[in-house]
């Protein structure tokens, strides 16, 4: 039985250098019965160009996306243990990043929890 992977509550916080945000994306899992390991692909689509800071979560492969590279889309893949939830944490720089995040896996039985939209609040400077 395939695992239903979805996206939990996304957290966006200010992080370090000016305009850098930390995105924490919980990838949830629900399994009815036995499951096998499955690859999970997460895609972050930004409405305007941002600069990728770093992917903090171990085990995620983001292909050609590298720190400091300007992009509008980052796609990363991991293979969590059978039926297990995971999380994706990355930093990006840009003024008020907004867009969407989606997750997919082979045979996902439900697409209703596979995508969310996001909008970061203003970056407050405390002098």
PDB file of N, CA and C in Angstrom:
ATOM      1  N   UNK A   1       0.850  -1.169   0.000  1.00  0.00           N
ATOM      2  CA  UNK A   1       0.000   0.000   0.000  1.00  0.00           C
ATOM      3  C   UNK A   1       0.901   1.240   0.000  1.00  0.00           C
ATOM      4  N   UNK A   2       0.749   2.149  -0.954  1.00  0.00           N
ATOM      5  CA  UNK A   2       1.573   3.363  -0.978  1.00  0.00           C
ATOM      6  C   UNK A   2       1.273   4.271   0.219  1.00  0.00           C
ATOM      7  N   UNK A   3       2.273   4.990   0.630  1.00  0.00           N
ATOM      8  CA  UNK A   3       2.131   5.953   1.721  1.00  0.00           C
ATOM      9  C   UNK A   3       1.586   7.253   1.161  1.00  0.00           C
ATOM     10  N   UNK A   4       0.662   7.872   1.888  1.00  0.00           N
ATOM     11  CA  UNK A   4       0.138   9.183   1.507  1.00  0.00           C
ATOM     12  C   UNK A   4       1.014  10.246   2.152  1.00  0.00           C
ATOM     13  N   UNK A   5       1.892  10.843   1.369  1.00  0.00           N
ATOM     14  CA  UNK A   5       2.718  11.940   1.866  1.00  0.00           C
ATOM     15  C   UNK A   5       2.000  13.255   1.619  1.00  0.00           C
ATOM     16  N   UNK A   6       2.133  14.179   2.558  1.00  0.00           N
ATOM     17  CA  UNK A   6       1.505  15.492   2.442  1.00  0.00           C
ATOM     18  C   UNK A   6       2.383  16.545   3.092  1.00  0.00           C
ATOM     19  N   UNK A   7       1.873  17.764   3.148  1.00  0.00           N
ATOM     20  CA  UNK A   7       2.621  18.873   3.736  1.00  0.00           C
ATOM     21  C   UNK A   7       1.896  19.351   4.983  1.00  0.00           C
ATOM     22  N   UNK A   8       2.643  19.456   6.085  1.00  0.00           N
ATOM     23  CA  UNK A   8       2.093  19.973   7.337  1.00  0.00           C
ATOM     24  C   UNK A   8       2.159  21.495   7.354  1.00  0.00           C
ATOM     25  N   UNK A   9       2.127  22.090   8.536  1.00  0.00           N
ATOM     26  CA  UNK A   9       2.176  23.546   8.684  1.00  0.00           C
ATOM     27  C   UNK A   9       3.587  24.065   8.427  1.00  0.00           C
ATOM     28  N   UNK A  10       3.734  24.863   7.385  1.00  0.00           N
ATOM     29  CA  UNK A  10       5.027  25.424   7.006  1.00  0.00           C
ATOM     30  C   UNK A  10       5.358  26.587   7.937  1.00  0.00           C
ATOM     31  N   UNK A  11       6.604  26.642   8.402  1.00  0.00           N
ATOM     32  CA  UNK A  11       7.072  27.725   9.256  1.00  0.00           C
ATOM     33  C   UNK A  11       8.130  28.523   8.509  1.00  0.00           C
ATOM     34  N   UNK A  12       7.990  29.855   8.517  1.00  0.00           N
ATOM     35  CA  UNK A  12       8.970  30.735   7.884  1.00  0.00           C
ATOM     36  C   UNK A  12       9.456  31.702   8.951  1.00  0.00           C
ATOM     37  N   UNK A  13      10.772  31.713   9.192  1.00  0.00           N
ATOM     38  CA  UNK A  13      11.343  32.602  10.201  1.00  0.00           C
ATOM     39  C   UNK A  13      12.515  33.382   9.603  1.00  0.00           C
ATOM     40  N   UNK A  14      12.790  34.555  10.200  1.00  0.00           N
ATOM     41  CA  UNK A  14      13.978  35.312   9.812  1.00  0.00           C
ATOM     42  C   UNK A  14      15.191  34.533  10.290  1.00  0.00           C
ATOM     43  N   UNK A  15      16.265  34.555   9.500  1.00  0.00           N
ATOM     44  CA  UNK A  15      17.411  33.716   9.827  1.00  0.00           C
ATOM     45  C   UNK A  15      18.698  34.382   9.364  1.00  0.00           C
ATOM     46  N   UNK A  16      19.464  34.908  10.288  1.00  0.00           N
ATOM     47  CA  UNK A  16      20.797  35.409   9.978  1.00  0.00           C
ATOM     48  C   UNK A  16      20.853  36.642   9.103  1.00  0.00           C
ATOM     49  N   UNK A  17      21.577  36.553   7.977  1.00  0.00           N
ATOM     50  CA  UNK A  17      21.840  37.739   7.153  1.00  0.00           C
ATOM     51  C   UNK A  17      20.561  38.428   6.676  1.00  0.00           C
ATOM     52  N   UNK A  18      20.714  39.673   6.295  1.00  0.00           N
ATOM     53  CA  UNK A  18      19.599  40.490   5.817  1.00  0.00           C
ATOM     54  C   UNK A  18      18.779  39.759   4.760  1.00  0.00           C
ATOM     55  N   UNK A  19      17.476  39.744   4.938  1.00  0.00           N
ATOM     56  CA  UNK A  19      16.488  39.151   4.035  1.00  0.00           C
ATOM     57  C   UNK A  19      16.577  37.635   3.897  1.00  0.00           C
ATOM     58  N   UNK A  20      17.308  36.957   4.780  1.00  0.00           N
ATOM     59  CA  UNK A  20      17.362  35.501   4.717  1.00  0.00           C
ATOM     60  C   UNK A  20      16.251  34.907   5.559  1.00  0.00           C
ATOM     61  N   UNK A  21      15.537  33.945   5.002  1.00  0.00           N
ATOM     62  CA  UNK A  21      14.437  33.258   5.692  1.00  0.00           C
ATOM     63  C   UNK A  21      14.734  31.774   5.771  1.00  0.00           C
ATOM     64  N   UNK A  22      14.278  31.175   6.872  1.00  0.00           N
ATOM     65  CA  UNK A  22      14.385  29.732   7.058  1.00  0.00           C
ATOM     66  C   UNK A  22      12.993  29.142   6.868  1.00  0.00           C
ATOM     67  N   UNK A  23      12.884  28.224   5.913  1.00  0.00           N
ATOM     68  CA  UNK A  23      11.636  27.519   5.654  1.00  0.00           C
ATOM     69  C   UNK A  23      11.738  26.137   6.273  1.00  0.00           C
ATOM     70  N   UNK A  24      10.771  25.783   7.118  1.00  0.00           N
ATOM     71  CA  UNK A  24      10.686  24.446   7.678  1.00  0.00           C
ATOM     72  C   UNK A  24       9.388  23.835   7.159  1.00  0.00           C
ATOM     73  N   UNK A  25       9.531  22.769   6.373  1.00  0.00           N
ATOM     74  CA  UNK A  25       8.384  22.139   5.719  1.00  0.00           C
ATOM     75  C   UNK A  25       8.251  20.709   6.239  1.00  0.00           C
ATOM     76  N   UNK A  26       7.268  20.454   7.130  1.00  0.00           N
ATOM     77  CA  UNK A  26       7.053  19.078   7.574  1.00  0.00           C
ATOM     78  C   UNK A  26       6.381  18.275   6.461  1.00  0.00           C
ATOM     79  N   UNK A  27       6.936  17.109   6.149  1.00  0.00           N
ATOM     80  CA  UNK A  27       6.335  16.205   5.178  1.00  0.00           C
ATOM     81  C   UNK A  27       5.695  15.086   5.989  1.00  0.00           C
ATOM     82  N   UNK A  28       4.372  15.059   5.991  1.00  0.00           N
ATOM     83  CA  UNK A  28       3.626  14.097   6.801  1.00  0.00           C
ATOM     84  C   UNK A  28       3.471  12.777   6.046  1.00  0.00           C
ATOM     85  N   UNK A  29       3.133  11.725   6.775  1.00  0.00           N
ATOM     86  CA  UNK A  29       2.884  10.430   6.134  1.00  0.00           C
ATOM     87  C   UNK A  29       1.724   9.728   6.823  1.00  0.00           C
ATOM     88  N   UNK A  30       0.944   9.041   6.026  1.00  0.00           N
ATOM     89  CA  UNK A  30      -0.153   8.222   6.545  1.00  0.00           C
ATOM     90  C   UNK A  30      -0.135   6.917   5.758  1.00  0.00           C
ATOM     91  N   UNK A  31      -0.090   5.807   6.476  1.00  0.00           N
ATOM     92  CA  UNK A  31      -0.003   4.504   5.821  1.00  0.00           C
ATOM     93  C   UNK A  31      -1.083   3.596   6.370  1.00  0.00           C
ATOM     94  N   UNK A  32      -1.810   2.963   5.474  1.00  0.00           N
ATOM     95  CA  UNK A  32      -2.789   1.957   5.877  1.00  0.00           C
ATOM     96  C   UNK A  32      -2.173   0.603   5.568  1.00  0.00           C
ATOM     97  N   UNK A  33      -1.691  -0.070   6.577  1.00  0.00           N
ATOM     98  CA  UNK A  33      -1.045  -1.365   6.362  1.00  0.00           C
ATOM     99  C   UNK A  33       0.441  -1.217   6.106  1.00  0.00           C
ATOM    100  N   UNK A  34       1.023  -2.228   5.523  1.00  0.00           N
ATOM    101  CA  UNK A  34       2.461  -2.237   5.224  1.00  0.00           C
ATOM    102  C   UNK A  34       2.787  -1.248   4.120  1.00  0.00           C
ATOM    103  N   UNK A  35       4.000  -0.734   4.187  1.00  0.00           N
ATOM    104  CA  UNK A  35       4.458   0.136   3.111  1.00  0.00           C
ATOM    105  C   UNK A  35       5.922  -0.164   2.819  1.00  0.00           C
ATOM    106  N   UNK A  36       6.355   0.247   1.666  1.00  0.00           N
ATOM    107  CA  UNK A  36       7.760   0.101   1.273  1.00  0.00           C
ATOM    108  C   UNK A  36       8.369   1.491   1.184  1.00  0.00           C
ATOM    109  N   UNK A  37       9.700   1.559   1.179  1.00  0.00           N
ATOM    110  CA  UNK A  37      10.356   2.854   0.988  1.00  0.00           C
ATOM    111  C   UNK A  37       9.926   3.443  -0.350  1.00  0.00           C
ATOM    112  N   UNK A  38       9.689   4.749  -0.354  1.00  0.00           N
ATOM    113  CA  UNK A  38       9.306   5.444  -1.572  1.00  0.00           C
ATOM    114  C   UNK A  38      10.078   6.745  -1.638  1.00  0.00           C
ATOM    115  N   UNK A  39      10.426   7.153  -2.843  1.00  0.00           N
ATOM    116  CA  UNK A  39      11.048   8.464  -2.976  1.00  0.00           C
ATOM    117  C   UNK A  39       9.971   9.531  -2.847  1.00  0.00           C
ATOM    118  N   UNK A  40      10.357  10.657  -2.271  1.00  0.00           N
ATOM    119  CA  UNK A  40       9.466  11.793  -2.082  1.00  0.00           C
ATOM    120  C   UNK A  40      10.128  13.005  -2.732  1.00  0.00           C
ATOM    121  N   UNK A  41       9.381  13.702  -3.568  1.00  0.00           N
ATOM    122  CA  UNK A  41       9.897  14.895  -4.236  1.00  0.00           C
ATOM    123  C   UNK A  41       9.151  16.113  -3.723  1.00  0.00           C
ATOM    124  N   UNK A  42       9.909  17.124  -3.308  1.00  0.00           N
ATOM    125  CA  UNK A  42       9.345  18.378  -2.817  1.00  0.00           C
ATOM    126  C   UNK A  42       9.783  19.495  -3.762  1.00  0.00           C
ATOM    127  N   UNK A  43       8.827  20.319  -4.184  1.00  0.00           N
ATOM    128  CA  UNK A  43       9.125  21.432  -5.088  1.00  0.00           C
ATOM    129  C   UNK A  43       8.651  22.734  -4.459  1.00  0.00           C
ATOM    130  N   UNK A  44       9.564  23.700  -4.380  1.00  0.00           N
ATOM    131  CA  UNK A  44       9.217  25.049  -3.923  1.00  0.00           C
ATOM    132  C   UNK A  44       9.264  25.953  -5.142  1.00  0.00           C
ATOM    133  N   UNK A  45       8.136  26.597  -5.439  1.00  0.00           N
ATOM    134  CA  UNK A  45       8.023  27.503  -6.574  1.00  0.00           C
ATOM    135  C   UNK A  45       7.835  28.917  -6.023  1.00  0.00           C
ATOM    136  N   UNK A  46       8.768  29.819  -6.327  1.00  0.00           N
ATOM    137  CA  UNK A  46       8.704  31.195  -5.848  1.00  0.00           C
ATOM    138  C   UNK A  46       8.134  32.100  -6.944  1.00  0.00           C
ATOM    139  N   UNK A  47       7.382  33.113  -6.561  1.00  0.00           N
ATOM    140  CA  UNK A  47       6.770  34.004  -7.551  1.00  0.00           C
ATOM    141  C   UNK A  47       7.786  34.953  -8.192  1.00  0.00           C
ATOM    142  N   UNK A  48       8.935  35.131  -7.532  1.00  0.00           N
ATOM    143  CA  UNK A  48      10.019  35.937  -8.112  1.00  0.00           C
ATOM    144  C   UNK A  48      11.352  35.321  -7.674  1.00  0.00           C
ATOM    145  N   UNK A  49      12.410  35.736  -8.297  1.00  0.00           N
ATOM    146  CA  UNK A  49      13.718  35.151  -8.045  1.00  0.00           C
ATOM    147  C   UNK A  49      14.175  35.360  -6.607  1.00  0.00           C
ATOM    148  N   UNK A  50      14.673  34.284  -6.008  1.00  0.00           N
ATOM    149  CA  UNK A  50      15.286  34.318  -4.681  1.00  0.00           C
ATOM    150  C   UNK A  50      16.671  33.684  -4.806  1.00  0.00           C
ATOM    151  N   UNK A  51      17.432  33.782  -3.739  1.00  0.00           N
ATOM    152  CA  UNK A  51      18.760  33.179  -3.730  1.00  0.00           C
ATOM    153  C   UNK A  51      18.745  32.048  -2.708  1.00  0.00           C
ATOM    154  N   UNK A  52      19.068  30.844  -3.151  1.00  0.00           N
ATOM    155  CA  UNK A  52      19.109  29.707  -2.247  1.00  0.00           C
ATOM    156  C   UNK A  52      20.268  29.888  -1.277  1.00  0.00           C
ATOM    157  N   UNK A  53      19.973  29.754   0.022  1.00  0.00           N
ATOM    158  CA  UNK A  53      21.027  29.837   1.026  1.00  0.00           C
ATOM    159  C   UNK A  53      21.649  28.472   1.239  1.00  0.00           C
ATOM    160  N   UNK A  54      20.883  27.568   1.838  1.00  0.00           N
ATOM    161  CA  UNK A  54      21.401  26.251   2.155  1.00  0.00           C
ATOM    162  C   UNK A  54      20.231  25.317   2.410  1.00  0.00           C
ATOM    163  N   UNK A  55      20.413  24.038   2.120  1.00  0.00           N
ATOM    164  CA  UNK A  55      19.453  23.011   2.507  1.00  0.00           C
ATOM    165  C   UNK A  55      20.018  22.382   3.767  1.00  0.00           C
ATOM    166  N   UNK A  56      19.310  22.571   4.875  1.00  0.00           N
ATOM    167  CA  UNK A  56      19.801  22.167   6.187  1.00  0.00           C
ATOM    168  C   UNK A  56      19.498  20.699   6.484  1.00  0.00           C
ATOM    169  N   UNK A  57      18.413  20.169   5.934  1.00  0.00           N
ATOM    170  CA  UNK A  57      18.001  18.795   6.233  1.00  0.00           C
ATOM    171  C   UNK A  57      18.900  17.776   5.551  1.00  0.00           C
ATOM    172  N   UNK A  58      19.412  16.802   6.311  1.00  0.00           N
ATOM    173  CA  UNK A  58      20.224  15.754   5.688  1.00  0.00           C
ATOM    174  C   UNK A  58      19.349  14.816   4.861  1.00  0.00           C
ATOM    175  N   UNK A  59      19.952  14.223   3.835  1.00  0.00           N
ATOM    176  CA  UNK A  59      19.256  13.211   3.049  1.00  0.00           C
ATOM    177  C   UNK A  59      18.490  13.729   1.850  1.00  0.00           C
ATOM    178  N   UNK A  60      18.416  15.039   1.670  1.00  0.00           N
ATOM    179  CA  UNK A  60      17.709  15.614   0.519  1.00  0.00           C
ATOM    180  C   UNK A  60      18.706  15.912  -0.589  1.00  0.00           C
ATOM    181  N   UNK A  61      18.366  15.522  -1.813  1.00  0.00           N
ATOM    182  CA  UNK A  61      19.185  15.812  -2.991  1.00  0.00           C
ATOM    183  C   UNK A  61      18.454  16.853  -3.824  1.00  0.00           C
ATOM    184  N   UNK A  62      19.084  18.017  -3.975  1.00  0.00           N
ATOM    185  CA  UNK A  62      18.447  19.121  -4.707  1.00  0.00           C
ATOM    186  C   UNK A  62      19.079  19.343  -6.077  1.00  0.00           C
ATOM    187  N   UNK A  63      19.731  18.325  -6.599  1.00  0.00           N
ATOM    188  CA  UNK A  63      20.279  18.391  -7.949  1.00  0.00           C
ATOM    189  C   UNK A  63      21.169  19.594  -8.164  1.00  0.00           C
ATOM    190  N   UNK A  64      20.909  20.374  -9.225  1.00  0.00           N
ATOM    191  CA  UNK A  64      21.796  21.486  -9.568  1.00  0.00           C
ATOM    192  C   UNK A  64      21.631  22.729  -8.682  1.00  0.00           C
ATOM    193  N   UNK A  65      20.622  22.752  -7.824  1.00  0.00           N
ATOM    194  CA  UNK A  65      20.440  23.920  -6.947  1.00  0.00           C
ATOM    195  C   UNK A  65      21.607  23.983  -5.966  1.00  0.00           C
ATOM    196  N   UNK A  66      22.274  25.110  -5.922  1.00  0.00           N
ATOM    197  CA  UNK A  66      23.424  25.250  -5.037  1.00  0.00           C
ATOM    198  C   UNK A  66      23.351  26.580  -4.296  1.00  0.00           C
ATOM    199  N   UNK A  67      23.962  26.656  -3.109  1.00  0.00           N
ATOM    200  CA  UNK A  67      23.924  27.889  -2.331  1.00  0.00           C
ATOM    201  C   UNK A  67      24.416  29.090  -3.134  1.00  0.00           C
ATOM    202  N   UNK A  68      23.691  30.198  -2.999  1.00  0.00           N
ATOM    203  CA  UNK A  68      24.046  31.438  -3.670  1.00  0.00           C
ATOM    204  C   UNK A  68      23.483  31.561  -5.069  1.00  0.00           C
ATOM    205  N   UNK A  69      22.883  30.505  -5.567  1.00  0.00           N
ATOM    206  CA  UNK A  69      22.348  30.519  -6.932  1.00  0.00           C
ATOM    207  C   UNK A  69      20.962  31.162  -6.959  1.00  0.00           C
ATOM    208  N   UNK A  70      20.729  32.139  -7.869  1.00  0.00           N
ATOM    209  CA  UNK A  70      19.387  32.693  -7.997  1.00  0.00           C
ATOM    210  C   UNK A  70      18.466  31.679  -8.690  1.00  0.00           C
ATOM    211  N   UNK A  71      17.242  31.571  -8.190  1.00  0.00           N
ATOM    212  CA  UNK A  71      16.298  30.618  -8.771  1.00  0.00           C
ATOM    213  C   UNK A  71      14.863  31.015  -8.468  1.00  0.00           C
ATOM    214  N   UNK A  72      13.941  30.412  -9.196  1.00  0.00           N
ATOM    215  CA  UNK A  72      12.516  30.565  -8.893  1.00  0.00           C
ATOM    216  C   UNK A  72      11.904  29.231  -8.484  1.00  0.00           C
ATOM    217  N   UNK A  73      12.613  28.145  -8.754  1.00  0.00           N
ATOM    218  CA  UNK A  73      12.129  26.813  -8.392  1.00  0.00           C
ATOM    219  C   UNK A  73      13.273  25.989  -7.831  1.00  0.00           C
ATOM    220  N   UNK A  74      13.002  25.284  -6.752  1.00  0.00           N
ATOM    221  CA  UNK A  74      13.965  24.304  -6.243  1.00  0.00           C
ATOM    222  C   UNK A  74      13.199  23.000  -6.041  1.00  0.00           C
ATOM    223  N   UNK A  75      13.759  21.913  -6.577  1.00  0.00           N
ATOM    224  CA  UNK A  75      13.148  20.594  -6.483  1.00  0.00           C
ATOM    225  C   UNK A  75      14.146  19.654  -5.820  1.00  0.00           C
ATOM    226  N   UNK A  76      13.703  19.002  -4.744  1.00  0.00           N
ATOM    227  CA  UNK A  76      14.578  18.128  -3.975  1.00  0.00           C
ATOM    228  C   UNK A  76      13.891  16.786  -3.744  1.00  0.00           C
ATOM    229  N   UNK A  77      14.698  15.730  -3.615  1.00  0.00           N
ATOM    230  CA  UNK A  77      14.169  14.382  -3.441  1.00  0.00           C
ATOM    231  C   UNK A  77      14.868  13.694  -2.277  1.00  0.00           C
ATOM    232  N   UNK A  78      14.103  12.882  -1.558  1.00  0.00           N
ATOM    233  CA  UNK A  78      14.656  12.054  -0.483  1.00  0.00           C
ATOM    234  C   UNK A  78      13.913  10.725  -0.465  1.00  0.00           C
ATOM    235  N   UNK A  79      14.453   9.763   0.244  1.00  0.00           N
ATOM    236  CA  UNK A  79      13.767   8.483   0.434  1.00  0.00           C
ATOM    237  C   UNK A  79      13.744   8.181   1.930  1.00  0.00           C
ATOM    238  N   UNK A  80      12.665   8.593   2.613  1.00  0.00           N
ATOM    239  CA  UNK A  80      12.579   8.301   4.052  1.00  0.00           C
ATOM    240  C   UNK A  80      12.327   6.811   4.289  1.00  0.00           C
ATOM    241  N   UNK A  81      12.540   6.371   5.509  1.00  0.00           N
ATOM    242  CA  UNK A  81      12.237   4.984   5.869  1.00  0.00           C
ATOM    243  C   UNK A  81      10.764   4.710   5.563  1.00  0.00           C
ATOM    244  N   UNK A  82      10.446   3.471   5.277  1.00  0.00           N
ATOM    245  CA  UNK A  82       9.094   3.084   4.877  1.00  0.00           C
ATOM    246  C   UNK A  82       8.026   3.666   5.798  1.00  0.00           C
ATOM    247  N   UNK A  83       7.112   4.436   5.223  1.00  0.00           N
ATOM    248  CA  UNK A  83       5.987   4.987   5.961  1.00  0.00           C
ATOM    249  C   UNK A  83       6.312   6.105   6.930  1.00  0.00           C
ATOM    250  N   UNK A  84       7.534   6.592   6.939  1.00  0.00           N
ATOM    251  CA  UNK A  84       7.948   7.596   7.918  1.00  0.00           C
ATOM    252  C   UNK A  84       7.815   9.015   7.385  1.00  0.00           C
ATOM    253  N   UNK A  85       7.455   9.923   8.277  1.00  0.00           N
ATOM    254  CA  UNK A  85       7.414  11.349   7.961  1.00  0.00           C
ATOM    255  C   UNK A  85       8.845  11.880   7.945  1.00  0.00           C
ATOM    256  N   UNK A  86       9.033  13.042   7.365  1.00  0.00           N
ATOM    257  CA  UNK A  86      10.343  13.680   7.327  1.00  0.00           C
ATOM    258  C   UNK A  86      10.131  15.187   7.323  1.00  0.00           C
ATOM    259  N   UNK A  87      11.191  15.947   7.235  1.00  0.00           N
ATOM    260  CA  UNK A  87      11.038  17.397   7.116  1.00  0.00           C
ATOM    261  C   UNK A  87      12.104  17.936   6.177  1.00  0.00           C
ATOM    262  N   UNK A  88      11.810  19.086   5.613  1.00  0.00           N
ATOM    263  CA  UNK A  88      12.708  19.769   4.694  1.00  0.00           C
ATOM    264  C   UNK A  88      12.948  21.156   5.269  1.00  0.00           C
ATOM    265  N   UNK A  89      14.218  21.510   5.467  1.00  0.00           N
ATOM    266  CA  UNK A  89      14.557  22.824   5.995  1.00  0.00           C
ATOM    267  C   UNK A  89      15.583  23.450   5.061  1.00  0.00           C
ATOM    268  N   UNK A  90      15.279  24.662   4.598  1.00  0.00           N
ATOM    269  CA  UNK A  90      16.194  25.376   3.702  1.00  0.00           C
ATOM    270  C   UNK A  90      16.121  26.861   4.008  1.00  0.00           C
ATOM    271  N   UNK A  91      17.187  27.574   3.627  1.00  0.00           N
ATOM    272  CA  UNK A  91      17.187  29.027   3.765  1.00  0.00           C
ATOM    273  C   UNK A  91      17.231  29.644   2.371  1.00  0.00           C
ATOM    274  N   UNK A  92      16.527  30.764   2.230  1.00  0.00           N
ATOM    275  CA  UNK A  92      16.540  31.521   0.981  1.00  0.00           C
ATOM    276  C   UNK A  92      16.628  32.999   1.325  1.00  0.00           C
ATOM    277  N   UNK A  93      17.151  33.782   0.389  1.00  0.00           N
ATOM    278  CA  UNK A  93      17.214  35.229   0.560  1.00  0.00           C
ATOM    279  C   UNK A  93      16.394  35.888  -0.531  1.00  0.00           C
ATOM    280  N   UNK A  94      15.622  36.885  -0.118  1.00  0.00           N
ATOM    281  CA  UNK A  94      14.814  37.635  -1.065  1.00  0.00           C
ATOM    282  C   UNK A  94      13.773  38.435  -0.318  1.00  0.00           C
ATOM    283  N   UNK A  95      13.319  39.535  -0.906  1.00  0.00           N
ATOM    284  CA  UNK A  95      12.308  40.353  -0.240  1.00  0.00           C
ATOM    285  C   UNK A  95      10.936  39.673  -0.274  1.00  0.00           C
ATOM    286  N   UNK A  96      10.396  39.369   0.874  1.00  0.00           N
ATOM    287  CA  UNK A  96       9.067  38.761   1.039  1.00  0.00           C
ATOM    288  C   UNK A  96       8.787  37.620   0.077  1.00  0.00           C
ATOM    289  N   UNK A  97       9.537  36.540   0.163  1.00  0.00           N
ATOM    290  CA  UNK A  97       9.293  35.424  -0.754  1.00  0.00           C
ATOM    291  C   UNK A  97       7.884  34.859  -0.582  1.00  0.00           C
ATOM    292  N   UNK A  98       7.258  34.551  -1.699  1.00  0.00           N
ATOM    293  CA  UNK A  98       5.955  33.902  -1.680  1.00  0.00           C
ATOM    294  C   UNK A  98       5.899  32.920  -2.839  1.00  0.00           C
ATOM    295  N   UNK A  99       4.948  31.991  -2.766  1.00  0.00           N
ATOM    296  CA  UNK A  99       4.813  30.997  -3.822  1.00  0.00           C
ATOM    297  C   UNK A  99       4.078  29.775  -3.324  1.00  0.00           C
ATOM    298  N   UNK A 100       4.506  28.599  -3.786  1.00  0.00           N
ATOM    299  CA  UNK A 100       3.837  27.358  -3.414  1.00  0.00           C
ATOM    300  C   UNK A 100       4.855  26.254  -3.164  1.00  0.00           C
ATOM    301  N   UNK A 101       4.425  25.276  -2.400  1.00  0.00           N
ATOM    302  CA  UNK A 101       5.237  24.097  -2.096  1.00  0.00           C
ATOM    303  C   UNK A 101       4.364  22.884  -2.386  1.00  0.00           C
ATOM    304  N   UNK A 102       4.928  21.915  -3.086  1.00  0.00           N
ATOM    305  CA  UNK A 102       4.182  20.680  -3.345  1.00  0.00           C
ATOM    306  C   UNK A 102       5.073  19.480  -3.054  1.00  0.00           C
ATOM    307  N   UNK A 103       4.427  18.363  -2.781  1.00  0.00           N
ATOM    308  CA  UNK A 103       5.129  17.119  -2.502  1.00  0.00           C
ATOM    309  C   UNK A 103       4.474  16.018  -3.338  1.00  0.00           C
ATOM    310  N   UNK A 104       5.291  15.091  -3.825  1.00  0.00           N
ATOM    311  CA  UNK A 104       4.739  13.977  -4.599  1.00  0.00           C
ATOM    312  C   UNK A 104       5.539  12.710  -4.318  1.00  0.00           C
ATOM    313  N   UNK A 105       4.880  11.580  -4.500  1.00  0.00           N
ATOM    314  CA  UNK A 105       5.529  10.279  -4.363  1.00  0.00           C
ATOM    315  C   UNK A 105       4.769   9.303  -5.253  1.00  0.00           C
ATOM    316  N   UNK A 106       5.437   8.252  -5.720  1.00  0.00           N
ATOM    317  CA  UNK A 106       4.769   7.288  -6.601  1.00  0.00           C
ATOM    318  C   UNK A 106       3.547   6.661  -5.933  1.00  0.00           C
ATOM    319  N   UNK A 107       2.435   6.657  -6.634  1.00  0.00           N
ATOM    320  CA  UNK A 107       1.226   6.011  -6.133  1.00  0.00           C
ATOM    321  C   UNK A 107       0.547   6.720  -4.986  1.00  0.00           C
ATOM    322  N   UNK A 108       0.864   7.991  -4.749  1.00  0.00           N
ATOM    323  CA  UNK A 108       0.243   8.750  -3.650  1.00  0.00           C
ATOM    324  C   UNK A 108      -1.278   8.613  -3.751  1.00  0.00           C
ATOM    325  N   UNK A 109      -1.927   8.025  -2.730  1.00  0.00           N
ATOM    326  CA  UNK A 109      -3.366   7.769  -2.820  1.00  0.00           C
ATOM    327  C   UNK A 109      -4.252   9.011  -2.664  1.00  0.00           C
ATOM    328  N   UNK A 110      -3.713  10.139  -2.219  1.00  0.00           N
ATOM    329  CA  UNK A 110      -4.539  11.332  -2.025  1.00  0.00           C
ATOM    330  C   UNK A 110      -3.728  12.579  -2.363  1.00  0.00           C
ATOM    331  N   UNK A 111      -4.247  13.401  -3.262  1.00  0.00           N
ATOM    332  CA  UNK A 111      -3.540  14.631  -3.622  1.00  0.00           C
ATOM    333  C   UNK A 111      -4.051  15.848  -2.850  1.00  0.00           C
ATOM    334  N   UNK A 112      -5.037  15.656  -1.996  1.00  0.00           N
ATOM    335  CA  UNK A 112      -5.658  16.793  -1.298  1.00  0.00           C
ATOM    336  C   UNK A 112      -4.722  17.485  -0.309  1.00  0.00           C
ATOM    337  N   UNK A 113      -3.653  16.816   0.131  1.00  0.00           N
ATOM    338  CA  UNK A 113      -2.735  17.403   1.103  1.00  0.00           C
ATOM    339  C   UNK A 113      -1.334  17.609   0.518  1.00  0.00           C
ATOM    340  N   UNK A 114      -1.242  17.661  -0.806  1.00  0.00           N
ATOM    341  CA  UNK A 114       0.062  17.681  -1.470  1.00  0.00           C
ATOM    342  C   UNK A 114       0.607  19.072  -1.796  1.00  0.00           C
ATOM    343  N   UNK A 115      -0.153  20.132  -1.584  1.00  0.00           N
ATOM    344  CA  UNK A 115       0.337  21.466  -1.963  1.00  0.00           C
ATOM    345  C   UNK A 115      -0.185  22.532  -0.998  1.00  0.00           C
ATOM    346  N   UNK A 116       0.649  23.541  -0.770  1.00  0.00           N
ATOM    347  CA  UNK A 116       0.268  24.703   0.035  1.00  0.00           C
ATOM    348  C   UNK A 116       0.876  25.948  -0.616  1.00  0.00           C
ATOM    349  N   UNK A 117       0.306  27.087  -0.297  1.00  0.00           N
ATOM    350  CA  UNK A 117       0.902  28.358  -0.714  1.00  0.00           C
ATOM    351  C   UNK A 117       1.512  29.013   0.522  1.00  0.00           C
ATOM    352  N   UNK A 118       2.444  29.932   0.292  1.00  0.00           N
ATOM    353  CA  UNK A 118       3.077  30.621   1.414  1.00  0.00           C
ATOM    354  C   UNK A 118       3.368  32.063   1.023  1.00  0.00           C
ATOM    355  N   UNK A 119       3.497  32.903   2.045  1.00  0.00           N
ATOM    356  CA  UNK A 119       3.929  34.287   1.877  1.00  0.00           C
ATOM    357  C   UNK A 119       4.646  34.700   3.151  1.00  0.00           C
ATOM    358  N   UNK A 120       5.920  35.042   3.029  1.00  0.00           N
ATOM    359  CA  UNK A 120       6.688  35.483   4.186  1.00  0.00           C
ATOM    360  C   UNK A 120       6.270  36.896   4.558  1.00  0.00           C
ATOM    361  N   UNK A 121       6.242  37.181   5.843  1.00  0.00           N
ATOM    362  CA  UNK A 121       5.947  38.534   6.306  1.00  0.00           C
ATOM    363  C   UNK A 121       7.134  39.452   6.041  1.00  0.00           C
ATOM    364  N   UNK A 122       7.004  40.724   6.380  1.00  0.00           N
ATOM    365  CA  UNK A 122       8.118  41.653   6.166  1.00  0.00           C
ATOM    366  C   UNK A 122       9.301  41.276   7.053  1.00  0.00           C
ATOM    367  N   UNK A 123      10.484  41.550   6.567  1.00  0.00           N
ATOM    368  CA  UNK A 123      11.706  41.310   7.318  1.00  0.00           C
ATOM    369  C   UNK A 123      11.956  42.554   8.161  1.00  0.00           C
ATOM    370  N   UNK A 124      11.827  42.424   9.454  1.00  0.00           N
ATOM    371  CA  UNK A 124      11.958  43.580  10.335  1.00  0.00           C
ATOM    372  C   UNK A 124      13.413  43.805  10.716  1.00  0.00           C
ATOM    373  N   UNK A 125      13.860  45.011  10.538  1.00  0.00           N
ATOM    374  CA  UNK A 125      15.224  45.374  10.937  1.00  0.00           C
ATOM    375  C   UNK A 125      15.178  46.048  12.303  1.00  0.00           C
ATOM    376  N   UNK A 126      15.906  45.504  13.231  1.00  0.00           N
ATOM    377  CA  UNK A 126      15.968  46.087  14.567  1.00  0.00           C
ATOM    378  C   UNK A 126      17.332  46.758  14.715  1.00  0.00           C
ATOM    379  N   UNK A 127      17.327  48.037  14.768  1.00  0.00           N
ATOM    380  CA  UNK A 127      18.589  48.781  14.879  1.00  0.00           C
ATOM    381  C   UNK A 127      18.808  49.255  16.285  1.00  0.00           C
TER     382      UNK A 127
END
